[in-house]
C-alpha atoms as a PDB file:
ATOM      1  CA  MET A   1     -43.092 -47.150  -8.440  1.00  0.00           C
ATOM      2  CA  VAL A   2     -40.722 -49.863  -7.294  1.00  0.00           C
ATOM      3  CA  ARG A   3     -37.751 -47.859  -8.544  1.00  0.00           C
ATOM      4  CA  ASP A   4     -38.683 -44.876  -6.382  1.00  0.00           C
ATOM      5  CA  VAL A   5     -38.991 -47.108  -3.334  1.00  0.00           C
ATOM      6  CA  LEU A   6     -35.544 -48.553  -4.033  1.00  0.00           C
ATOM      7  CA  LEU A   7     -34.153 -45.035  -4.476  1.00  0.00           C
ATOM      8  CA  GLN A   8     -35.602 -44.020  -1.124  1.00  0.00           C
ATOM      9  CA  ILE A   9     -33.959 -47.047   0.490  1.00  0.00           C
ATOM     10  CA  ALA A  10     -30.721 -46.076  -1.277  1.00  0.00           C
ATOM     11  CA  GLN A  11     -30.912 -42.572   0.206  1.00  0.00           C
ATOM     12  CA  VAL A  12     -31.251 -43.907   3.737  1.00  0.00           C
ATOM     13  CA  ALA A  13     -28.518 -46.477   3.084  1.00  0.00           C
ATOM     14  CA  THR A  14     -26.200 -43.740   1.800  1.00  0.00           C
ATOM     15  CA  VAL A  15     -26.485 -41.851   5.079  1.00  0.00           C
ATOM     16  CA  PHE A  16     -26.255 -45.065   7.099  1.00  0.00           C
ATOM     17  CA  ILE A  17     -23.153 -46.430   5.343  1.00  0.00           C
ATOM     18  CA  PHE A  18     -21.115 -43.344   4.479  1.00  0.00           C
ATOM     19  CA  ALA A  19     -21.622 -41.254   7.637  1.00  0.00           C
ATOM     20  CA  PRO A  20     -18.551 -42.788   9.366  1.00  0.00           C
ATOM     21  CA  LEU A  21     -16.505 -42.162   6.217  1.00  0.00           C
ATOM     22  CA  LEU A  22     -17.291 -38.435   6.364  1.00  0.00           C
ATOM     23  CA  GLN A  23     -16.269 -38.381  10.023  1.00  0.00           C
ATOM     24  CA  GLY A  24     -13.020 -40.169   9.202  1.00  0.00           C
ATOM     25  CA  LEU A  25     -12.296 -37.742   6.380  1.00  0.00           C
ATOM     26  CA  ILE A  26     -12.767 -34.696   8.617  1.00  0.00           C
ATOM     27  CA  LEU A  27     -10.619 -36.154  11.404  1.00  0.00           C
ATOM     28  CA  GLN A  28      -7.902 -37.119   8.932  1.00  0.00           C
ATOM     29  CA  TRP A  29      -7.768 -33.631   7.440  1.00  0.00           C
ATOM     30  CA  GLN A  30      -7.690 -32.082  10.894  1.00  0.00           C
ATOM     31  CA  GLU A  31      -4.619 -34.118  11.732  1.00  0.00           C
ATOM     32  CA  ARG A  32      -2.947 -33.286   8.428  1.00  0.00           C
ATOM     33  CA  VAL A  33      -3.545 -29.560   8.908  1.00  0.00           C
ATOM     34  CA  GLN A  34      -1.879 -29.888  12.315  1.00  0.00           C
ATOM     35  CA  ARG A  35       1.027 -31.776  10.662  1.00  0.00           C
ATOM     36  CA  ALA A  36       0.157 -35.081  12.272  1.00  0.00           C
ATOM     37  CA  GLN A  37      -0.277 -38.494  10.658  1.00  0.00           C
ATOM     38  CA  GLY A  38      -3.894 -39.089  11.642  1.00  0.00           C
ATOM     39  CA  PRO A  39      -5.754 -42.364  12.264  1.00  0.00           C
ATOM     40  CA  GLY A  40      -6.969 -42.886   8.676  1.00  0.00           C
ATOM     41  CA  ILE A  41     -10.383 -42.300   7.141  1.00  0.00           C
ATOM     42  CA  TRP A  42     -11.555 -45.850   7.955  1.00  0.00           C
ATOM     43  CA  GLN A  43     -10.916 -45.561  11.691  1.00  0.00           C
ATOM     44  CA  PRO A  44     -14.573 -44.738  12.603  1.00  0.00           C
ATOM     45  CA  TYR A  45     -15.651 -48.061  11.054  1.00  0.00           C
ATOM     46  CA  ARG A  46     -13.047 -49.935  13.090  1.00  0.00           C
ATOM     47  CA  ASP A  47     -14.132 -48.114  16.250  1.00  0.00           C
ATOM     48  CA  LEU A  48     -17.789 -49.008  15.680  1.00  0.00           C
ATOM     49  CA  TRP A  49     -16.870 -52.638  15.001  1.00  0.00           C
ATOM     50  CA  LYS A  50     -14.975 -52.859  18.285  1.00  0.00           C
ATOM     51  CA  LEU A  51     -17.771 -51.203  20.257  1.00  0.00           C
ATOM     52  CA  PHE A  52     -20.389 -53.593  18.879  1.00  0.00           C
ATOM     53  CA  HIS A  53     -18.268 -56.492  20.161  1.00  0.00           C
ATOM     54  CA  LYS A  54     -17.827 -55.149  23.696  1.00  0.00           C
ATOM     55  CA  GLU A  55     -20.065 -55.697  26.691  1.00  0.00           C
ATOM     56  CA  ILE A  56     -22.480 -53.119  28.069  1.00  0.00           C
ATOM     57  CA  VAL A  57     -21.707 -51.687  31.488  1.00  0.00           C
ATOM     58  CA  VAL A  58     -24.711 -49.877  32.983  1.00  0.00           C
ATOM     59  CA  PRO A  59     -24.521 -47.367  35.872  1.00  0.00           C
ATOM     60  CA  GLN A  60     -26.545 -48.373  38.913  1.00  0.00           C
ATOM     61  CA  THR A  61     -28.383 -45.045  38.849  1.00  0.00           C
ATOM     62  CA  ALA A  62     -29.523 -45.411  35.220  1.00  0.00           C
ATOM     63  CA  GLY A  63     -33.215 -45.730  34.388  1.00  0.00           C
ATOM     64  CA  PHE A  64     -35.185 -46.746  31.313  1.00  0.00           C
ATOM     65  CA  ILE A  65     -34.211 -43.550  29.442  1.00  0.00           C
ATOM     66  CA  TYR A  66     -30.612 -44.756  29.488  1.00  0.00           C
ATOM     67  CA  TRP A  67     -31.671 -47.732  27.331  1.00  0.00           C
ATOM     68  CA  LEU A  68     -34.259 -45.934  25.222  1.00  0.00           C
ATOM     69  CA  ALA A  69     -32.228 -42.860  24.185  1.00  0.00           C
ATOM     70  CA  PRO A  70     -29.634 -44.554  21.900  1.00  0.00           C
ATOM     71  CA  ILE A  71     -32.288 -46.505  19.995  1.00  0.00           C
ATOM     72  CA  LEU A  72     -34.596 -43.517  19.573  1.00  0.00           C
ATOM     73  CA  ALA A  73     -31.771 -41.154  18.588  1.00  0.00           C
ATOM     74  CA  PHE A  74     -30.478 -43.658  16.025  1.00  0.00           C
ATOM     75  CA  THR A  75     -33.992 -44.111  14.599  1.00  0.00           C
ATOM     76  CA  CYS A  76     -34.449 -40.344  14.262  1.00  0.00           C
ATOM     77  CA  MET A  77     -31.296 -40.128  12.157  1.00  0.00           C
ATOM     78  CA  LEU A  78     -32.630 -42.843   9.857  1.00  0.00           C
ATOM     79  CA  THR A  79     -35.912 -40.952   9.388  1.00  0.00           C
ATOM     80  CA  VAL A  80     -34.624 -37.563   8.205  1.00  0.00           C
ATOM     81  CA  PRO A  81     -32.971 -38.838   4.961  1.00  0.00           C
ATOM     82  CA  ILE A  82     -36.450 -39.753   3.734  1.00  0.00           C
ATOM     83  CA  LEU A  83     -37.412 -36.054   3.746  1.00  0.00           C
ATOM     84  CA  ILE A  84     -34.405 -34.438   2.035  1.00  0.00           C
ATOM     85  CA  PRO A  85     -32.707 -34.657  -1.393  1.00  0.00           C
ATOM     86  CA  VAL A  86     -29.743 -36.959  -0.891  1.00  0.00           C
ATOM     87  CA  LEU A  87     -29.471 -38.495  -4.368  1.00  0.00           C
ATOM     88  CA  THR A  88     -32.453 -37.192  -6.363  1.00  0.00           C
ATOM     89  CA  ASN A  89     -33.821 -33.693  -6.919  1.00  0.00           C
ATOM     90  CA  TYR A  90     -37.455 -34.854  -6.835  1.00  0.00           C
ATOM     91  CA  PRO A  91     -39.569 -36.241  -3.981  1.00  0.00           C
ATOM     92  CA  LEU A  92     -39.542 -39.977  -3.349  1.00  0.00           C
ATOM     93  CA  PRO A  93     -42.134 -42.090  -1.486  1.00  0.00           C
ATOM     94  CA  GLN A  94     -42.887 -40.767   2.022  1.00  0.00           C
ATOM     95  CA  SER A  95     -40.981 -37.529   1.343  1.00  0.00           C
ATOM     96  CA  ASP A  96     -44.230 -35.648   1.967  1.00  0.00           C
ATOM     97  CA  MET A  97     -44.236 -36.715   5.646  1.00  0.00           C
ATOM     98  CA  GLY A  98     -42.509 -33.464   6.541  1.00  0.00           C
ATOM     99  CA  ASP A  99     -40.535 -30.468   5.353  1.00  0.00           C
ATOM    100  CA  LEU A 100     -37.279 -28.866   6.500  1.00  0.00           C
ATOM    101  CA  LEU A 101     -38.840 -27.762   9.777  1.00  0.00           C
ATOM    102  CA  GLY A 102     -40.187 -31.258  10.399  1.00  0.00           C
ATOM    103  CA  GLY A 103     -36.755 -32.722   9.747  1.00  0.00           C
ATOM    104  CA  GLY A 104     -35.279 -30.202  12.171  1.00  0.00           C
ATOM    105  CA  PHE A 105     -37.760 -31.286  14.836  1.00  0.00           C
ATOM    106  CA  VAL A 106     -36.789 -34.931  14.351  1.00  0.00           C
ATOM    107  CA  LEU A 107     -33.091 -34.078  14.720  1.00  0.00           C
ATOM    108  CA  THR A 108     -33.882 -32.049  17.830  1.00  0.00           C
ATOM    109  CA  LEU A 109     -35.827 -34.967  19.305  1.00  0.00           C
ATOM    110  CA  GLY A 110     -32.768 -37.193  18.976  1.00  0.00           C
ATOM    111  CA  ALA A 111     -30.537 -34.585  20.636  1.00  0.00           C
ATOM    112  CA  PHE A 112     -33.108 -34.068  23.409  1.00  0.00           C
ATOM    113  CA  MET A 113     -33.180 -37.775  24.223  1.00  0.00           C
ATOM    114  CA  ILE A 114     -29.374 -37.885  24.456  1.00  0.00           C
ATOM    115  CA  SER A 115     -29.465 -34.933  26.858  1.00  0.00           C
ATOM    116  CA  LEU A 116     -32.030 -36.748  28.989  1.00  0.00           C
ATOM    117  CA  ALA A 117     -29.826 -39.828  28.943  1.00  0.00           C
ATOM    118  CA  GLY A 118     -26.882 -37.770  30.185  1.00  0.00           C
ATOM    119  CA  LEU A 119     -28.983 -36.663  33.143  1.00  0.00           C
ATOM    120  CA  ASP A 120     -30.486 -40.108  33.673  1.00  0.00           C
ATOM    121  CA  SER A 121     -27.066 -41.739  34.024  1.00  0.00           C
ATOM    122  CA  GLY A 122     -26.478 -39.848  37.277  1.00  0.00           C
ATOM    123  CA  SER A 123     -22.968 -38.856  36.239  1.00  0.00           C
ATOM    124  CA  ALA A 124     -21.664 -35.377  37.073  1.00  0.00           C
ATOM    125  CA  TYR A 125     -20.106 -35.141  33.624  1.00  0.00           C
ATOM    126  CA  GLY A 126     -23.362 -36.215  32.016  1.00  0.00           C
ATOM    127  CA  GLY A 127     -25.234 -33.452  33.829  1.00  0.00           C
ATOM    128  CA  ILE A 128     -22.658 -30.843  32.845  1.00  0.00           C
ATOM    129  CA  GLY A 129     -22.658 -31.922  29.204  1.00  0.00           C
ATOM    130  CA  SER A 130     -26.460 -32.001  29.025  1.00  0.00           C
ATOM    131  CA  SER A 131     -26.859 -28.585  30.652  1.00  0.00           C
ATOM    132  CA  ARG A 132     -24.296 -27.023  28.327  1.00  0.00           C
ATOM    133  CA  SER A 133     -25.932 -28.640  25.322  1.00  0.00           C
ATOM    134  CA  VAL A 134     -29.298 -27.192  26.348  1.00  0.00           C
ATOM    135  CA  MET A 135     -27.742 -23.744  26.789  1.00  0.00           C
ATOM    136  CA  LEU A 136     -26.424 -23.923  23.234  1.00  0.00           C
ATOM    137  CA  GLY A 137     -29.823 -25.094  22.025  1.00  0.00           C
ATOM    138  CA  ILE A 138     -31.557 -22.089  23.587  1.00  0.00           C
ATOM    139  CA  LEU A 139     -29.826 -19.864  21.045  1.00  0.00           C
ATOM    140  CA  ALA A 140     -29.354 -22.378  18.224  1.00  0.00           C
ATOM    141  CA  GLU A 141     -32.982 -23.505  17.897  1.00  0.00           C
ATOM    142  CA  PRO A 142     -34.534 -20.008  17.432  1.00  0.00           C
ATOM    143  CA  THR A 143     -31.817 -19.231  14.896  1.00  0.00           C
ATOM    144  CA  LEU A 144     -32.582 -22.456  13.039  1.00  0.00           C
ATOM    145  CA  ILE A 145     -36.269 -21.539  12.925  1.00  0.00           C
ATOM    146  CA  LEU A 146     -35.376 -18.073  11.590  1.00  0.00           C
ATOM    147  CA  VAL A 147     -33.230 -19.679   8.887  1.00  0.00           C
ATOM    148  CA  PHE A 148     -36.156 -21.880   7.877  1.00  0.00           C
ATOM    149  CA  VAL A 149     -38.445 -18.828   7.853  1.00  0.00           C
ATOM    150  CA  GLY A 150     -35.944 -17.108   5.570  1.00  0.00           C
ATOM    151  CA  ILE A 151     -35.913 -20.131   3.270  1.00  0.00           C
ATOM    152  CA  THR A 152     -39.710 -20.163   3.222  1.00  0.00           C
ATOM    153  CA  LEU A 153     -39.897 -16.479   2.269  1.00  0.00           C
ATOM    154  CA  LEU A 154     -37.222 -16.990  -0.381  1.00  0.00           C
ATOM    155  CA  ALA A 155     -38.754 -20.028  -2.089  1.00  0.00           C
ATOM    156  CA  LYS A 156     -42.387 -19.587  -0.956  1.00  0.00           C
ATOM    157  CA  SER A 157     -42.069 -23.137   0.361  1.00  0.00           C
ATOM    158  CA  MET A 158     -40.273 -25.045   3.107  1.00  0.00           C
ATOM    159  CA  LEU A 159     -39.926 -28.194   1.010  1.00  0.00           C
ATOM    160  CA  PRO A 160     -36.212 -28.783   0.310  1.00  0.00           C
ATOM    161  CA  PHE A 161     -36.875 -29.909  -3.262  1.00  0.00           C
ATOM    162  CA  VAL A 162     -38.600 -26.610  -4.103  1.00  0.00           C
ATOM    163  CA  VAL A 163     -35.671 -24.644  -2.659  1.00  0.00           C
ATOM    164  CA  ASN A 164     -33.234 -26.756  -4.665  1.00  0.00           C
ATOM    165  CA  HIS A 165     -35.090 -26.142  -7.937  1.00  0.00           C
ATOM    166  CA  LEU A 166     -35.388 -22.410  -7.278  1.00  0.00           C
ATOM    167  CA  LEU A 167     -31.655 -21.927  -6.710  1.00  0.00           C
ATOM    168  CA  VAL A 168     -30.756 -24.018  -9.761  1.00  0.00           C
ATOM    169  CA  GLN A 169     -33.184 -22.273 -12.111  1.00  0.00           C
ATOM    170  CA  GLN A 170     -32.751 -18.671 -10.929  1.00  0.00           C
ATOM    171  CA  PRO A 171     -29.100 -17.586 -10.553  1.00  0.00           C
ATOM    172  CA  GLU A 172     -30.177 -14.102  -9.488  1.00  0.00           C
ATOM    173  CA  VAL A 173     -31.808 -15.627  -6.398  1.00  0.00           C
ATOM    174  CA  TYR A 174     -28.775 -17.822  -5.733  1.00  0.00           C
ATOM    175  CA  TRP A 175     -26.405 -14.836  -5.760  1.00  0.00           C
ATOM    176  CA  GLY A 176     -28.861 -12.552  -3.984  1.00  0.00           C
ATOM    177  CA  PRO A 177     -28.069 -11.190  -0.512  1.00  0.00           C
ATOM    178  CA  ALA A 178     -30.967 -13.055   1.109  1.00  0.00           C
ATOM    179  CA  HIS A 179     -29.609 -16.426   0.030  1.00  0.00           C
ATOM    180  CA  LEU A 180     -26.008 -15.557   0.908  1.00  0.00           C
ATOM    181  CA  PHE A 181     -27.038 -14.451   4.397  1.00  0.00           C
ATOM    182  CA  LEU A 182     -28.934 -17.728   4.859  1.00  0.00           C
ATOM    183  CA  VAL A 183     -25.873 -19.722   3.790  1.00  0.00           C
ATOM    184  CA  ALA A 184     -23.674 -17.881   6.297  1.00  0.00           C
ATOM    185  CA  ALA A 185     -26.206 -18.323   9.117  1.00  0.00           C
ATOM    186  CA  PHE A 186     -26.653 -22.024   8.403  1.00  0.00           C
ATOM    187  CA  PHE A 187     -22.878 -22.544   8.213  1.00  0.00           C
ATOM    188  CA  ILE A 188     -22.496 -21.286  11.782  1.00  0.00           C
ATOM    189  CA  LEU A 189     -25.320 -23.592  12.871  1.00  0.00           C
ATOM    190  CA  LEU A 190     -23.536 -26.418  11.079  1.00  0.00           C
ATOM    191  CA  LEU A 191     -20.449 -25.781  13.201  1.00  0.00           C
ATOM    192  CA  VAL A 192     -22.565 -25.723  16.366  1.00  0.00           C
ATOM    193  CA  GLU A 193     -24.560 -28.871  15.652  1.00  0.00           C
ATOM    194  CA  THR A 194     -21.494 -30.883  14.599  1.00  0.00           C
ATOM    195  CA  ASP A 195     -19.398 -29.806  17.614  1.00  0.00           C
ATOM    196  CA  ARG A 196     -16.939 -27.738  15.589  1.00  0.00           C
ATOM    197  CA  LEU A 197     -17.110 -24.499  17.560  1.00  0.00           C
ATOM    198  CA  PRO A 198     -13.892 -23.579  19.399  1.00  0.00           C
ATOM    199  CA  ILE A 199     -15.688 -24.105  22.728  1.00  0.00           C
ATOM    200  CA  HIS A 200     -16.200 -27.800  21.971  1.00  0.00           C
ATOM    201  CA  SER A 201     -13.858 -30.628  22.782  1.00  0.00           C
ATOM    202  CA  SER A 202     -13.908 -33.891  20.853  1.00  0.00           C
ATOM    203  CA  THR A 203     -12.053 -35.807  23.558  1.00  0.00           C
ATOM    204  CA  HIS A 204     -13.339 -37.222  26.856  1.00  0.00           C
ATOM    205  CA  ILE A 205     -10.435 -35.987  28.986  1.00  0.00           C
ATOM    206  CA  GLU A 206     -11.125 -32.271  28.973  1.00  0.00           C
ATOM    207  CA  VAL A 207     -13.410 -30.608  31.488  1.00  0.00           C
ATOM    208  CA  TYR A 208     -15.158 -28.379  28.953  1.00  0.00           C
ATOM    209  CA  MET A 209     -16.401 -31.233  26.783  1.00  0.00           C
ATOM    210  CA  ILE A 210     -20.048 -31.127  25.753  1.00  0.00           C
ATOM    211  CA  GLU A 211     -21.020 -33.916  23.382  1.00  0.00           C
ATOM    212  CA  GLU A 212     -18.654 -36.502  24.849  1.00  0.00           C
ATOM    213  CA  ALA A 213     -19.800 -35.705  28.384  1.00  0.00           C
ATOM    214  CA  ARG A 214     -23.405 -36.641  27.645  1.00  0.00           C
ATOM    215  CA  ILE A 215     -22.461 -40.154  26.537  1.00  0.00           C
ATOM    216  CA  LEU A 216     -19.549 -40.713  28.934  1.00  0.00           C
ATOM    217  CA  GLU A 217     -21.394 -43.428  30.884  1.00  0.00           C
ATOM    218  CA  TYR A 218     -22.246 -45.460  27.779  1.00  0.00           C
ATOM    219  CA  SER A 219     -20.299 -48.448  26.530  1.00  0.00           C
ATOM    220  CA  GLY A 220     -20.484 -51.305  24.051  1.00  0.00           C
ATOM    221  CA  PRO A 221     -23.261 -51.430  21.427  1.00  0.00           C
ATOM    222  CA  LEU A 222     -25.233 -48.594  23.048  1.00  0.00           C
ATOM    223  CA  LEU A 223     -22.236 -46.283  22.705  1.00  0.00           C
ATOM    224  CA  ALA A 224     -21.787 -47.469  19.111  1.00  0.00           C
ATOM    225  CA  LEU A 225     -25.392 -46.500  18.312  1.00  0.00           C
ATOM    226  CA  LEU A 226     -24.890 -43.045  19.825  1.00  0.00           C
ATOM    227  CA  LYS A 227     -21.659 -42.414  17.958  1.00  0.00           C
ATOM    228  CA  TRP A 228     -23.079 -43.726  14.690  1.00  0.00           C
ATOM    229  CA  GLY A 229     -26.174 -41.590  15.147  1.00  0.00           C
ATOM    230  CA  SER A 230     -23.993 -38.524  15.738  1.00  0.00           C
ATOM    231  CA  MET A 231     -22.098 -39.254  12.521  1.00  0.00           C
ATOM    232  CA  MET A 232     -25.377 -39.609  10.612  1.00  0.00           C
ATOM    233  CA  LYS A 233     -26.594 -36.303  12.015  1.00  0.00           C
ATOM    234  CA  GLN A 234     -23.427 -34.661  10.712  1.00  0.00           C
ATOM    235  CA  PHE A 235     -23.952 -36.311   7.308  1.00  0.00           C
ATOM    236  CA  ILE A 236     -27.577 -35.113   7.191  1.00  0.00           C
ATOM    237  CA  LEU A 237     -26.669 -31.509   8.037  1.00  0.00           C
ATOM    238  CA  TYR A 238     -23.924 -31.529   5.413  1.00  0.00           C
ATOM    239  CA  THR A 239     -26.443 -32.893   2.890  1.00  0.00           C
ATOM    240  CA  ILE A 240     -28.955 -30.129   3.614  1.00  0.00           C
ATOM    241  CA  PHE A 241     -26.221 -27.504   3.495  1.00  0.00           C
ATOM    242  CA  CYS A 242     -24.824 -28.787   0.183  1.00  0.00           C
ATOM    243  CA  ASN A 243     -27.808 -30.136  -1.774  1.00  0.00           C
ATOM    244  CA  VAL A 244     -30.347 -27.528  -0.691  1.00  0.00           C
ATOM    245  CA  LEU A 245     -28.463 -24.278  -0.037  1.00  0.00           C
ATOM    246  CA  VAL A 246     -24.897 -24.091  -1.337  1.00  0.00           C
ATOM    247  CA  LEU A 247     -24.361 -26.607  -4.152  1.00  0.00           C
ATOM    248  CA  PRO A 248     -27.830 -27.668  -5.338  1.00  0.00           C
ATOM    249  CA  TRP A 249     -26.506 -29.180  -8.568  1.00  0.00           C
ATOM    250  CA  GLY A 250     -25.400 -32.741  -9.342  1.00  0.00           C
ATOM    251  CA  LEU A 251     -28.518 -34.599  -8.205  1.00  0.00           C
ATOM    252  CA  SER A 252     -30.227 -37.260 -10.282  1.00  0.00           C
ATOM    253  CA  TYR A 253     -33.358 -35.957 -12.024  1.00  0.00           C
ATOM    254  CA  LYS A 254     -34.456 -39.210 -13.685  1.00  0.00           C
ATOM    255  CA  GLY A 255     -33.547 -41.776 -11.059  1.00  0.00           C
ATOM    256  CA  GLU A 256     -31.524 -43.948 -13.430  1.00  0.00           C
ATOM    257  CA  ALA A 257     -28.635 -46.015 -12.078  1.00  0.00           C
ATOM    258  CA  LEU A 258     -25.918 -43.969 -13.793  1.00  0.00           C
ATOM    259  CA  GLY A 259     -27.454 -40.696 -12.607  1.00  0.00           C
ATOM    260  CA  VAL A 260     -27.714 -41.954  -9.018  1.00  0.00           C
ATOM    261  CA  LEU A 261     -24.074 -43.067  -9.090  1.00  0.00           C
ATOM    262  CA  GLY A 262     -23.090 -39.648 -10.441  1.00  0.00           C
ATOM    263  CA  ALA A 263     -25.120 -37.972  -7.679  1.00  0.00           C
ATOM    264  CA  LEU A 264     -23.301 -40.071  -5.078  1.00  0.00           C
ATOM    265  CA  LEU A 265     -19.909 -39.065  -6.487  1.00  0.00           C
ATOM    266  CA  ALA A 266     -21.000 -35.413  -6.660  1.00  0.00           C
ATOM    267  CA  LEU A 267     -22.132 -35.592  -3.036  1.00  0.00           C
ATOM    268  CA  GLY A 268     -18.694 -36.854  -2.060  1.00  0.00           C
ATOM    269  CA  LEU A 269     -16.992 -33.977  -3.865  1.00  0.00           C
ATOM    270  CA  LYS A 270     -19.309 -31.458  -2.196  1.00  0.00           C
ATOM    271  CA  PHE A 271     -18.568 -32.922   1.222  1.00  0.00           C
ATOM    272  CA  MET A 272     -14.825 -32.763   0.578  1.00  0.00           C
ATOM    273  CA  LEU A 273     -15.081 -29.077  -0.302  1.00  0.00           C
ATOM    274  CA  VAL A 274     -17.249 -28.170   2.701  1.00  0.00           C
ATOM    275  CA  SER A 275     -15.118 -30.318   5.010  1.00  0.00           C
ATOM    276  CA  LEU A 276     -12.002 -28.429   3.956  1.00  0.00           C
ATOM    277  CA  VAL A 277     -13.676 -25.139   4.857  1.00  0.00           C
ATOM    278  CA  VAL A 278     -14.922 -26.515   8.192  1.00  0.00           C
ATOM    279  CA  VAL A 279     -11.493 -27.920   9.095  1.00  0.00           C
ATOM    280  CA  PHE A 280      -9.830 -24.626   8.184  1.00  0.00           C
ATOM    281  CA  VAL A 281     -12.298 -22.583  10.262  1.00  0.00           C
ATOM    282  CA  GLU A 282     -12.039 -24.918  13.260  1.00  0.00           C
ATOM    283  CA  THR A 283      -8.246 -25.109  13.137  1.00  0.00           C
ATOM    284  CA  ALA A 284      -7.678 -21.396  12.539  1.00  0.00           C
ATOM    285  CA  GLN A 285      -9.715 -20.361  15.596  1.00  0.00           C
ATOM    286  CA  SER A 286      -8.181 -20.276  19.038  1.00  0.00           C
ATOM    287  CA  ARG A 287      -9.902 -22.222  21.806  1.00  0.00           C
ATOM    288  CA  LEU A 288     -12.500 -20.043  23.520  1.00  0.00           C
ATOM    289  CA  ARG A 289     -13.976 -20.210  26.991  1.00  0.00           C
ATOM    290  CA  TYR A 290     -17.429 -21.708  27.201  1.00  0.00           C
ATOM    291  CA  TYR A 291     -19.204 -18.501  28.237  1.00  0.00           C
ATOM    292  CA  ARG A 292     -18.391 -17.011  24.811  1.00  0.00           C
ATOM    293  CA  TYR A 293     -20.658 -19.523  23.083  1.00  0.00           C
ATOM    294  CA  GLN A 294     -23.233 -16.792  22.468  1.00  0.00           C
ATOM    295  CA  GLU A 295     -20.968 -14.809  20.115  1.00  0.00           C
ATOM    296  CA  PRO A 296     -21.123 -17.055  17.001  1.00  0.00           C
ATOM    297  CA  LEU A 297     -24.758 -17.921  17.671  1.00  0.00           C
ATOM    298  CA  ALA A 298     -25.673 -14.248  17.982  1.00  0.00           C
ATOM    299  CA  ALA A 299     -23.902 -13.619  14.673  1.00  0.00           C
ATOM    300  CA  SER A 300     -25.902 -16.439  13.075  1.00  0.00           C
ATOM    301  CA  PHE A 301     -29.141 -15.006  14.498  1.00  0.00           C
ATOM    302  CA  LEU A 302     -28.311 -11.577  13.063  1.00  0.00           C
ATOM    303  CA  LEU A 303     -27.478 -13.066   9.652  1.00  0.00           C
ATOM    304  CA  ALA A 304     -30.827 -14.883   9.591  1.00  0.00           C
ATOM    305  CA  ILE A 305     -32.651 -11.620  10.362  1.00  0.00           C
ATOM    306  CA  LEU A 306     -30.690  -9.837   7.626  1.00  0.00           C
ATOM    307  CA  ALA A 307     -31.696 -12.593   5.195  1.00  0.00           C
ATOM    308  CA  ILE A 308     -35.383 -12.054   6.009  1.00  0.00           C
ATOM    309  CA  VAL A 309     -35.031  -8.274   5.651  1.00  0.00           C
ATOM    310  CA  ALA A 310     -33.118  -8.594   2.361  1.00  0.00           C
ATOM    311  CA  ASN A 311     -35.790 -10.908   0.999  1.00  0.00           C
ATOM    312  CA  GLN A 312     -38.546  -8.422   1.848  1.00  0.00           C
ATOM    313  CA  VAL A 313     -36.840  -5.476   0.162  1.00  0.00           C
ATOM    314  CA  ARG A 314     -35.731  -7.227  -3.040  1.00  0.00           C
END
C-alpha cells in the first residue's frame, strides 16, 4: 500500500531529522546536571550546517577508504530504521530484509568502516582511536549476540515486532527475570556504543579519546556525515531499547496520521526518560582508566548469560 510506503519513509526521516535533536538534548542535560548553561538543544544542527559549508582538507596519506567510509557509514544508518519499529508496531515494506541481528550487522559495518578510515588517514590519533574501538568491540559484539540469542529464546523470534507484541501482551514475560536481565545487559551496551562509558571522552583534546580520535583527520562535509551518522546510530539504539525492550507501548497500530503523530510524541517522551537515566549514570561515575573497559562489558556479558539461563528454567 502507498500509505505503508509513506510510513516507511517517515520512519527513516524521523531518524534522519531528529537524531541531532536527541544529541542536543543529552548534551544540554549533561551541562545542566553539572550546573553549567549548556549550548542549547539546537546546537548540533548549527554545527552540522557550519561543517557542510566548510572546505574539505584531506591528509596526504589518505586513500580511497578515507572518502568511502563516511558515505557508507551514513548509508548504513539510513538502512537500519527500515527494519525496526520506529513509529508503527507492525512491519512495513522491506522490513523483512533482516531482523535484529541483521540490523546489528549493518551498524557494525558502519563502525568498522570508520575504524578503517581512522587507520587509513595515517594519523597517530586515528590509529589509537581505531585500535581502542576494536578492543571494545571484541567484548561488546559477543555480548550483543548473546543479548539477541536471549531475545530469540524469549520471544521465539528475532524480529523486533514479535518481541514488541510479546512484551505488550504478556506482562508476566515483561516482568520476568529473563527480560529484566536482557534490559540491563542492553543498557550497558547502549552506554558503550554511544560513547557514554566513563573511559570515553567526547572532546578532541584528551589523549584517551576513542570516537573523536577516529575522525580527527576529517573536516567539512565528510566530518558532518560522520557526526550525523553517529547521532543516527545513537537514535537507532535508543529506539531499539525503548520500542522493543523497555517501553514497547505507544506505537501506531493502524498507521493513521493521528496515531503516527502520537507515536512520535511518545517516542520523544521515552527518549527523555532514558536520556535522564543515561546522563545520571554517566555523570555519577568517576572517570576510569582505559584498561578497566572490560569491567562493564563483562557485567553485561554475565547479565546476558543469566537472561538465557532464566529463560530456560522458567
